[in-house]
Amino acid sequence: SMTEGTQTKRTTAEPASDGPGAAMAGNHNRRIVGL
């Protein structure tokens, strides 16, 4: 769960944690964490 993310994330209508959308979300979250 800690290394791959919980399977629940996929079964509750969230996009897969790869691809351009996930990368954009990751960059967005990094900016939030920096602040």
Full PDB file with SEQRES, HELIX, SHEET, SSBOND, CRYST1, ORIGX, SCALE, CONECT and MASTER records, all heavy atoms in Angstrom:
SEQRES   1 A   35  SER MET THR GLU GLY THR GLN THR LYS ARG THR THR ALA          
SEQRES   2 A   35  GLU PRO ALA SER ASP GLY PRO GLY ALA ALA MET ALA GLY          
SEQRES   3 A   35  ASN HIS ASN ARG ARG ILE VAL GLY LEU                          
HELIX    1 AA1 THR A    8  THR A   11  1                                   4    
HELIX    2 AA2 GLY A   19  GLY A   34  1                                  16    
CRYST1    1.000    1.000    1.000  90.00  90.00  90.00 P 1           1          
ORIGX1      1.000000  0.000000  0.000000        0.00000                         
ORIGX2      0.000000  1.000000  0.000000        0.00000                         
ORIGX3      0.000000  0.000000  1.000000        0.00000                         
SCALE1      1.000000  0.000000  0.000000        0.00000                         
SCALE2      0.000000  1.000000  0.000000        0.00000                         
SCALE3      0.000000  0.000000  1.000000        0.00000                         
ATOM      1  N   SER A   1       0.827  -1.203   0.000  1.00  0.00           N  
ATOM      2  CA  SER A   1       0.000   0.000   0.000  1.00  0.00           C  
ATOM      3  C   SER A   1       0.855   1.243   0.000  1.00  0.00           C  
ATOM      4  O   SER A   1       0.581   2.213  -0.697  1.00  0.00           O  
ATOM      5  CB  SER A   1      -0.925   0.007   1.220  1.00  0.00           C  
ATOM      6  OG  SER A   1      -1.590   1.237   1.334  1.00  0.00           O  
ATOM      7  N   MET A   2       1.940   1.259   0.791  1.00  0.00           N  
ATOM      8  CA  MET A   2       2.784   2.437   0.896  1.00  0.00           C  
ATOM      9  C   MET A   2       3.581   2.680  -0.377  1.00  0.00           C  
ATOM     10  O   MET A   2       3.879   3.803  -0.727  1.00  0.00           O  
ATOM     11  CB  MET A   2       3.750   2.297   2.075  1.00  0.00           C  
ATOM     12  CG  MET A   2       3.079   2.338   3.414  1.00  0.00           C  
ATOM     13  SD  MET A   2       2.256   3.910   3.684  1.00  0.00           S  
ATOM     14  CE  MET A   2       3.655   5.006   3.645  1.00  0.00           C  
ATOM     15  N   THR A   3       3.942   1.625  -1.095  1.00  0.00           N  
ATOM     16  CA  THR A   3       4.803   1.803  -2.259  1.00  0.00           C  
ATOM     17  C   THR A   3       4.012   1.958  -3.551  1.00  0.00           C  
ATOM     18  O   THR A   3       4.490   2.571  -4.494  1.00  0.00           O  
ATOM     19  CB  THR A   3       5.746   0.598  -2.414  1.00  0.00           C  
ATOM     20  OG1 THR A   3       4.985  -0.607  -2.466  1.00  0.00           O  
ATOM     21  CG2 THR A   3       6.710   0.536  -1.247  1.00  0.00           C  
ATOM     22  N   GLU A   4       2.804   1.407  -3.614  1.00  0.00           N  
ATOM     23  CA  GLU A   4       2.054   1.442  -4.853  1.00  0.00           C  
ATOM     24  C   GLU A   4       0.761   2.235  -4.754  1.00  0.00           C  
ATOM     25  O   GLU A   4       0.132   2.509  -5.767  1.00  0.00           O  
ATOM     26  CB  GLU A   4       1.729   0.017  -5.306  1.00  0.00           C  
ATOM     27  CG  GLU A   4       2.978  -0.834  -5.568  1.00  0.00           C  
ATOM     28  CD  GLU A   4       2.618  -2.241  -5.991  1.00  0.00           C  
ATOM     29  OE1 GLU A   4       1.413  -2.503  -6.157  1.00  0.00           O  
ATOM     30  OE2 GLU A   4       3.519  -3.061  -6.158  1.00  0.00           O  
ATOM     31  N   GLY A   5       0.364   2.628  -3.529  1.00  0.00           N  
ATOM     32  CA  GLY A   5      -0.938   3.267  -3.353  1.00  0.00           C  
ATOM     33  C   GLY A   5      -1.982   2.198  -3.154  1.00  0.00           C  
ATOM     34  O   GLY A   5      -1.862   1.078  -3.648  1.00  0.00           O  
ATOM     35  N   THR A   6      -3.014   2.476  -2.429  1.00  0.00           N  
ATOM     36  CA  THR A   6      -4.008   1.463  -2.103  1.00  0.00           C  
ATOM     37  C   THR A   6      -4.848   1.117  -3.321  1.00  0.00           C  
ATOM     38  O   THR A   6      -5.148   1.961  -4.167  1.00  0.00           O  
ATOM     39  CB  THR A   6      -4.941   1.964  -0.995  1.00  0.00           C  
ATOM     40  OG1 THR A   6      -5.547   3.170  -1.446  1.00  0.00           O  
ATOM     41  CG2 THR A   6      -4.171   2.226   0.287  1.00  0.00           C  
ATOM     42  N   GLN A   7      -5.254  -0.155  -3.404  1.00  0.00           N  
ATOM     43  CA  GLN A   7      -6.117  -0.595  -4.481  1.00  0.00           C  
ATOM     44  C   GLN A   7      -7.461   0.108  -4.405  1.00  0.00           C  
ATOM     45  O   GLN A   7      -8.143   0.284  -5.420  1.00  0.00           O  
ATOM     46  CB  GLN A   7      -6.306  -2.117  -4.403  1.00  0.00           C  
ATOM     47  CG  GLN A   7      -7.202  -2.696  -5.504  1.00  0.00           C  
ATOM     48  CD  GLN A   7      -6.579  -2.519  -6.866  1.00  0.00           C  
ATOM     49  OE1 GLN A   7      -5.364  -2.384  -6.974  1.00  0.00           O  
ATOM     50  NE2 GLN A   7      -7.397  -2.507  -7.911  1.00  0.00           N  
ATOM     51  N   THR A   8      -7.829   0.531  -3.211  1.00  0.00           N  
ATOM     52  CA  THR A   8      -9.105   1.208  -3.016  1.00  0.00           C  
ATOM     53  C   THR A   8      -9.214   2.440  -3.889  1.00  0.00           C  
ATOM     54  O   THR A   8     -10.276   2.778  -4.378  1.00  0.00           O  
ATOM     55  CB  THR A   8      -9.245   1.654  -1.544  1.00  0.00           C  
ATOM     56  OG1 THR A   8      -8.801   0.627  -0.716  1.00  0.00           O  
ATOM     57  CG2 THR A   8     -10.668   2.020  -1.233  1.00  0.00           C  
ATOM     58  N   LYS A   9      -8.098   3.097  -4.085  1.00  0.00           N  
ATOM     59  CA  LYS A   9      -8.085   4.315  -4.886  1.00  0.00           C  
ATOM     60  C   LYS A   9      -8.649   4.042  -6.273  1.00  0.00           C  
ATOM     61  O   LYS A   9      -9.333   4.857  -6.860  1.00  0.00           O  
ATOM     62  CB  LYS A   9      -6.646   4.817  -4.959  1.00  0.00           C  
ATOM     63  CG  LYS A   9      -6.478   6.089  -5.736  1.00  0.00           C  
ATOM     64  CD  LYS A   9      -5.047   6.609  -5.659  1.00  0.00           C  
ATOM     65  CE  LYS A   9      -4.062   5.598  -6.156  1.00  0.00           C  
ATOM     66  NZ  LYS A   9      -2.681   6.081  -6.106  1.00  0.00           N  
ATOM     67  N   ARG A  10      -8.355   2.845  -6.801  1.00  0.00           N  
ATOM     68  CA  ARG A  10      -8.821   2.527  -8.144  1.00  0.00           C  
ATOM     69  C   ARG A  10     -10.293   2.142  -8.149  1.00  0.00           C  
ATOM     70  O   ARG A  10     -10.968   2.308  -9.136  1.00  0.00           O  
ATOM     71  CB  ARG A  10      -7.999   1.379  -8.708  1.00  0.00           C  
ATOM     72  CG  ARG A  10      -6.495   1.675  -8.674  1.00  0.00           C  
ATOM     73  CD  ARG A  10      -5.952   1.948 -10.005  1.00  0.00           C  
ATOM     74  NE  ARG A  10      -4.543   2.254  -9.944  1.00  0.00           N  
ATOM     75  CZ  ARG A  10      -3.666   1.721 -10.767  1.00  0.00           C  
ATOM     76  NH1 ARG A  10      -4.044   0.835 -11.656  1.00  0.00           N  
ATOM     77  NH2 ARG A  10      -2.403   2.087 -10.693  1.00  0.00           N  
ATOM     78  N   THR A  11     -10.769   1.581  -7.032  1.00  0.00           N  
ATOM     79  CA  THR A  11     -12.142   1.095  -6.991  1.00  0.00           C  
ATOM     80  C   THR A  11     -13.112   2.160  -6.527  1.00  0.00           C  
ATOM     81  O   THR A  11     -14.288   1.913  -6.468  1.00  0.00           O  
ATOM     82  CB  THR A  11     -12.247  -0.119  -6.058  1.00  0.00           C  
ATOM     83  OG1 THR A  11     -11.886   0.289  -4.747  1.00  0.00           O  
ATOM     84  CG2 THR A  11     -11.345  -1.236  -6.509  1.00  0.00           C  
ATOM     85  N   THR A  12     -12.631   3.343  -6.200  1.00  0.00           N  
ATOM     86  CA  THR A  12     -13.533   4.428  -5.807  1.00  0.00           C  
ATOM     87  C   THR A  12     -13.498   5.542  -6.844  1.00  0.00           C  
ATOM     88  O   THR A  12     -13.531   6.714  -6.533  1.00  0.00           O  
ATOM     89  CB  THR A  12     -13.148   4.992  -4.430  1.00  0.00           C  
ATOM     90  OG1 THR A  12     -11.775   5.383  -4.463  1.00  0.00           O  
ATOM     91  CG2 THR A  12     -13.385   3.994  -3.341  1.00  0.00           C  
ATOM     92  N   ALA A  13     -13.391   5.140  -8.095  1.00  0.00           N  
ATOM     93  CA  ALA A  13     -13.560   6.044  -9.219  1.00  0.00           C  
ATOM     94  C   ALA A  13     -12.452   7.068  -9.344  1.00  0.00           C  
ATOM     95  O   ALA A  13     -12.679   8.159  -9.830  1.00  0.00           O  
ATOM     96  CB  ALA A  13     -14.917   6.754  -9.143  1.00  0.00           C  
ATOM     97  N   GLU A  14     -11.236   6.718  -8.949  1.00  0.00           N  
ATOM     98  CA  GLU A  14     -10.102   7.619  -9.175  1.00  0.00           C  
ATOM     99  C   GLU A  14      -9.323   7.140 -10.382  1.00  0.00           C  
ATOM    100  O   GLU A  14      -9.227   5.948 -10.654  1.00  0.00           O  
ATOM    101  CB  GLU A  14      -9.172   7.649  -7.957  1.00  0.00           C  
ATOM    102  CG  GLU A  14      -9.747   8.426  -6.822  1.00  0.00           C  
ATOM    103  CD  GLU A  14      -8.680   8.799  -5.837  1.00  0.00           C  
ATOM    104  OE1 GLU A  14      -7.493   8.872  -6.212  1.00  0.00           O  
ATOM    105  OE2 GLU A  14      -9.026   9.008  -4.679  1.00  0.00           O  
ATOM    106  N   PRO A  15      -8.713   8.049 -11.130  1.00  0.00           N  
ATOM    107  CA  PRO A  15      -7.899   7.645 -12.262  1.00  0.00           C  
ATOM    108  C   PRO A  15      -6.679   6.858 -11.820  1.00  0.00           C  
ATOM    109  O   PRO A  15      -6.235   6.991 -10.691  1.00  0.00           O  
ATOM    110  CB  PRO A  15      -7.477   8.982 -12.903  1.00  0.00           C  
ATOM    111  CG  PRO A  15      -8.092  10.063 -12.096  1.00  0.00           C  
ATOM    112  CD  PRO A  15      -8.789   9.471 -10.930  1.00  0.00           C  
ATOM    113  N   ALA A  16      -6.140   6.074 -12.720  1.00  0.00           N  
ATOM    114  CA  ALA A  16      -4.930   5.314 -12.415  1.00  0.00           C  
ATOM    115  C   ALA A  16      -3.800   6.267 -12.095  1.00  0.00           C  
ATOM    116  O   ALA A  16      -3.725   7.379 -12.608  1.00  0.00           O  
ATOM    117  CB  ALA A  16      -4.555   4.428 -13.605  1.00  0.00           C  
ATOM    118  N   SER A  17      -2.854   5.790 -11.250  1.00  0.00           N  
ATOM    119  CA  SER A  17      -1.783   6.671 -10.770  1.00  0.00           C  
ATOM    120  C   SER A  17      -0.597   6.676 -11.729  1.00  0.00           C  
ATOM    121  O   SER A  17       0.532   6.501 -11.341  1.00  0.00           O  
ATOM    122  CB  SER A  17      -1.323   6.214  -9.384  1.00  0.00           C  
ATOM    123  OG  SER A  17      -0.898   4.875  -9.437  1.00  0.00           O  
ATOM    124  N   ASP A  18      -0.879   6.788 -13.028  1.00  0.00           N  
ATOM    125  CA  ASP A  18       0.181   6.963 -13.997  1.00  0.00           C  
ATOM    126  C   ASP A  18      -0.362   7.813 -15.137  1.00  0.00           C  
ATOM    127  O   ASP A  18      -1.519   8.152 -15.186  1.00  0.00           O  
ATOM    128  CB  ASP A  18       0.707   5.603 -14.514  1.00  0.00           C  
ATOM    129  CG  ASP A  18      -0.409   4.695 -14.989  1.00  0.00           C  
ATOM    130  OD1 ASP A  18      -1.544   5.180 -15.158  1.00  0.00           O  
ATOM    131  OD2 ASP A  18      -0.137   3.500 -15.203  1.00  0.00           O  
ATOM    132  N   GLY A  19       0.507   8.170 -16.065  1.00  0.00           N  
ATOM    133  CA  GLY A  19       0.072   8.979 -17.183  1.00  0.00           C  
ATOM    134  C   GLY A  19       0.177  10.461 -16.903  1.00  0.00           C  
ATOM    135  O   GLY A  19       0.493  10.896 -15.809  1.00  0.00           O  
ATOM    136  N   PRO A  20      -0.115  11.308 -17.919  1.00  0.00           N  
ATOM    137  CA  PRO A  20       0.037  12.753 -17.788  1.00  0.00           C  
ATOM    138  C   PRO A  20      -0.822  13.350 -16.690  1.00  0.00           C  
ATOM    139  O   PRO A  20      -0.403  14.262 -15.985  1.00  0.00           O  
ATOM    140  CB  PRO A  20      -0.381  13.274 -19.181  1.00  0.00           C  
ATOM    141  CG  PRO A  20      -0.225  12.109 -20.089  1.00  0.00           C  
ATOM    142  CD  PRO A  20      -0.509  10.897 -19.272  1.00  0.00           C  
ATOM    143  N   GLY A  21      -2.056  12.856 -16.531  1.00  0.00           N  
ATOM    144  CA  GLY A  21      -2.935  13.406 -15.498  1.00  0.00           C  
ATOM    145  C   GLY A  21      -2.361  13.229 -14.114  1.00  0.00           C  
ATOM    146  O   GLY A  21      -2.382  14.151 -13.294  1.00  0.00           O  
ATOM    147  N   ALA A  22      -1.814  12.044 -13.842  1.00  0.00           N  
ATOM    148  CA  ALA A  22      -1.219  11.788 -12.526  1.00  0.00           C  
ATOM    149  C   ALA A  22       0.021  12.645 -12.320  1.00  0.00           C  
ATOM    150  O   ALA A  22       0.267  13.143 -11.216  1.00  0.00           O  
ATOM    151  CB  ALA A  22      -0.863  10.304 -12.397  1.00  0.00           C  
ATOM    152  N   ALA A  23       0.822  12.823 -13.376  1.00  0.00           N  
ATOM    153  CA  ALA A  23       2.017  13.655 -13.251  1.00  0.00           C  
ATOM    154  C   ALA A  23       1.648  15.098 -12.940  1.00  0.00           C  
ATOM    155  O   ALA A  23       2.274  15.755 -12.099  1.00  0.00           O  
ATOM    156  CB  ALA A  23       2.834  13.593 -14.550  1.00  0.00           C  
ATOM    157  N   MET A  24       0.594  15.606 -13.610  1.00  0.00           N  
ATOM    158  CA  MET A  24       0.146  16.974 -13.346  1.00  0.00           C  
ATOM    159  C   MET A  24      -0.347  17.110 -11.918  1.00  0.00           C  
ATOM    160  O   MET A  24      -0.050  18.093 -11.226  1.00  0.00           O  
ATOM    161  CB  MET A  24      -0.951  17.361 -14.339  1.00  0.00           C  
ATOM    162  CG  MET A  24      -0.464  17.548 -15.764  1.00  0.00           C  
ATOM    163  SD  MET A  24      -1.815  17.840 -16.913  1.00  0.00           S  
ATOM    164  CE  MET A  24      -2.459  19.375 -16.275  1.00  0.00           C  
ATOM    165  N   ALA A  25      -1.124  16.103 -11.458  1.00  0.00           N  
ATOM    166  CA  ALA A  25      -1.612  16.143 -10.075  1.00  0.00           C  
ATOM    167  C   ALA A  25      -0.457  16.090  -9.096  1.00  0.00           C  
ATOM    168  O   ALA A  25      -0.471  16.769  -8.068  1.00  0.00           O  
ATOM    169  CB  ALA A  25      -2.584  14.974  -9.838  1.00  0.00           C  
ATOM    170  N   GLY A  26       0.569  15.276  -9.411  1.00  0.00           N  
ATOM    171  CA  GLY A  26       1.720  15.185  -8.525  1.00  0.00           C  
ATOM    172  C   GLY A  26       2.467  16.503  -8.425  1.00  0.00           C  
ATOM    173  O   GLY A  26       2.855  16.932  -7.337  1.00  0.00           O  
ATOM    174  N   ASN A  27       2.650  17.178  -9.570  1.00  0.00           N  
ATOM    175  CA  ASN A  27       3.324  18.482  -9.550  1.00  0.00           C  
ATOM    176  C   ASN A  27       2.506  19.502  -8.780  1.00  0.00           C  
ATOM    177  O   ASN A  27       3.049  20.333  -8.047  1.00  0.00           O  
ATOM    178  CB  ASN A  27       3.571  18.970 -10.981  1.00  0.00           C  
ATOM    179  CG  ASN A  27       4.612  18.152 -11.705  1.00  0.00           C  
ATOM    180  OD1 ASN A  27       5.505  17.579 -11.084  1.00  0.00           O  
ATOM    181  ND2 ASN A  27       4.517  18.075 -13.029  1.00  0.00           N  
ATOM    182  N   HIS A  28       1.200  19.451  -8.958  1.00  0.00           N  
ATOM    183  CA  HIS A  28       0.311  20.373  -8.242  1.00  0.00           C  
ATOM    184  C   HIS A  28       0.423  20.153  -6.732  1.00  0.00           C  
ATOM    185  O   HIS A  28       0.543  21.108  -5.962  1.00  0.00           O  
ATOM    186  CB  HIS A  28      -1.128  20.149  -8.707  1.00  0.00           C  
ATOM    187  CG  HIS A  28      -2.104  21.151  -8.207  1.00  0.00           C  
ATOM    188  ND1 HIS A  28      -2.143  22.446  -8.668  1.00  0.00           N  
ATOM    189  CD2 HIS A  28      -3.072  21.060  -7.261  1.00  0.00           C  
ATOM    190  CE1 HIS A  28      -3.099  23.103  -8.041  1.00  0.00           C  
ATOM    191  NE2 HIS A  28      -3.681  22.298  -7.181  1.00  0.00           N  
ATOM    192  N   ASN A  29       0.406  18.884  -6.321  1.00  0.00           N  
ATOM    193  CA  ASN A  29       0.517  18.576  -4.894  1.00  0.00           C  
ATOM    194  C   ASN A  29       1.871  18.985  -4.327  1.00  0.00           C  
ATOM    195  O   ASN A  29       1.957  19.411  -3.177  1.00  0.00           O  
ATOM    196  CB  ASN A  29       0.281  17.084  -4.657  1.00  0.00           C  
ATOM    197  CG  ASN A  29      -1.194  16.738  -4.660  1.00  0.00           C  
ATOM    198  OD1 ASN A  29      -2.044  17.599  -4.837  1.00  0.00           O  
ATOM    199  ND2 ASN A  29      -1.500  15.464  -4.466  1.00  0.00           N  
ATOM    200  N   ARG A  30       2.922  18.844  -5.122  1.00  0.00           N  
ATOM    201  CA  ARG A  30       4.245  19.261  -4.640  1.00  0.00           C  
ATOM    202  C   ARG A  30       4.286  20.757  -4.363  1.00  0.00           C  
ATOM    203  O   ARG A  30       4.937  21.208  -3.407  1.00  0.00           O  
ATOM    204  CB  ARG A  30       5.335  18.846  -5.641  1.00  0.00           C  
ATOM    205  CG  ARG A  30       5.729  17.377  -5.523  1.00  0.00           C  
ATOM    206  CD  ARG A  30       6.979  17.087  -6.322  1.00  0.00           C  
ATOM    207  NE  ARG A  30       6.724  17.097  -7.750  1.00  0.00           N  
ATOM    208  CZ  ARG A  30       6.311  16.032  -8.443  1.00  0.00           C  
ATOM    209  NH1 ARG A  30       6.103  14.886  -7.816  1.00  0.00           N  
ATOM    210  NH2 ARG A  30       6.106  16.119  -9.743  1.00  0.00           N  
ATOM    211  N   ARG A  31       3.605  21.533  -5.201  1.00  0.00           N  
ATOM    212  CA  ARG A  31       3.544  22.977  -4.947  1.00  0.00           C  
ATOM    213  C   ARG A  31       2.778  23.263  -3.657  1.00  0.00           C  
ATOM    214  O   ARG A  31       3.181  24.149  -2.885  1.00  0.00           O  
ATOM    215  CB  ARG A  31       2.896  23.690  -6.135  1.00  0.00           C  
ATOM    216  CG  ARG A  31       3.772  23.733  -7.375  1.00  0.00           C  
ATOM    217  CD  ARG A  31       3.245  24.717  -8.394  1.00  0.00           C  
ATOM    218  NE  ARG A  31       1.978  24.277  -8.985  1.00  0.00           N  
ATOM    219  CZ  ARG A  31       1.876  23.519 -10.051  1.00  0.00           C  
ATOM    220  NH1 ARG A  31       2.976  23.076 -10.667  1.00  0.00           N  
ATOM    221  NH2 ARG A  31       0.690  23.173 -10.532  1.00  0.00           N  
ATOM    222  N   ILE A  32       1.703  22.531  -3.445  1.00  0.00           N  
ATOM    223  CA  ILE A  32       0.935  22.714  -2.208  1.00  0.00           C  
ATOM    224  C   ILE A  32       1.786  22.353  -1.001  1.00  0.00           C  
ATOM    225  O   ILE A  32       1.815  23.085   0.003  1.00  0.00           O  
ATOM    226  CB  ILE A  32      -0.351  21.861  -2.238  1.00  0.00           C  
ATOM    227  CG1 ILE A  32      -1.283  22.329  -3.356  1.00  0.00           C  
ATOM    228  CG2 ILE A  32      -1.068  21.918  -0.889  1.00  0.00           C  
ATOM    229  CD1 ILE A  32      -2.503  21.456  -3.548  1.00  0.00           C  
ATOM    230  N   VAL A  33       2.501  21.231  -1.076  1.00  0.00           N  
ATOM    231  CA  VAL A  33       3.352  20.811   0.045  1.00  0.00           C  
ATOM    232  C   VAL A  33       4.442  21.850   0.298  1.00  0.00           C  
ATOM    233  O   VAL A  33       4.761  22.159   1.452  1.00  0.00           O  
ATOM    234  CB  VAL A  33       3.952  19.423  -0.230  1.00  0.00           C  
ATOM    235  CG1 VAL A  33       5.022  19.078   0.810  1.00  0.00           C  
ATOM    236  CG2 VAL A  33       2.859  18.356  -0.206  1.00  0.00           C  
ATOM    237  N   GLY A  34       5.023  22.410  -0.767  1.00  0.00           N  
ATOM    238  CA  GLY A  34       6.036  23.444  -0.588  1.00  0.00           C  
ATOM    239  C   GLY A  34       5.497  24.648   0.171  1.00  0.00           C  
ATOM    240  O   GLY A  34       6.163  25.200   1.053  1.00  0.00           O  
ATOM    241  N   LEU A  35       4.288  25.041  -0.146  1.00  0.00           N  
ATOM    242  CA  LEU A  35       3.662  26.163   0.557  1.00  0.00           C  
ATOM    243  C   LEU A  35       3.326  25.795   2.003  1.00  0.00           C  
ATOM    244  O   LEU A  35       3.432  26.631   2.906  1.00  0.00           O  
ATOM    245  CB  LEU A  35       2.408  26.609  -0.186  1.00  0.00           C  
ATOM    246  CG  LEU A  35       2.669  27.296  -1.531  1.00  0.00           C  
ATOM    247  CD1 LEU A  35       1.386  27.416  -2.338  1.00  0.00           C  
ATOM    248  CD2 LEU A  35       3.284  28.680  -1.317  1.00  0.00           C  
TER     249      LEU A  35                                                      
MASTER        0    0    0    2    0    0    0    6  248    1    0    3          
END                                                                             
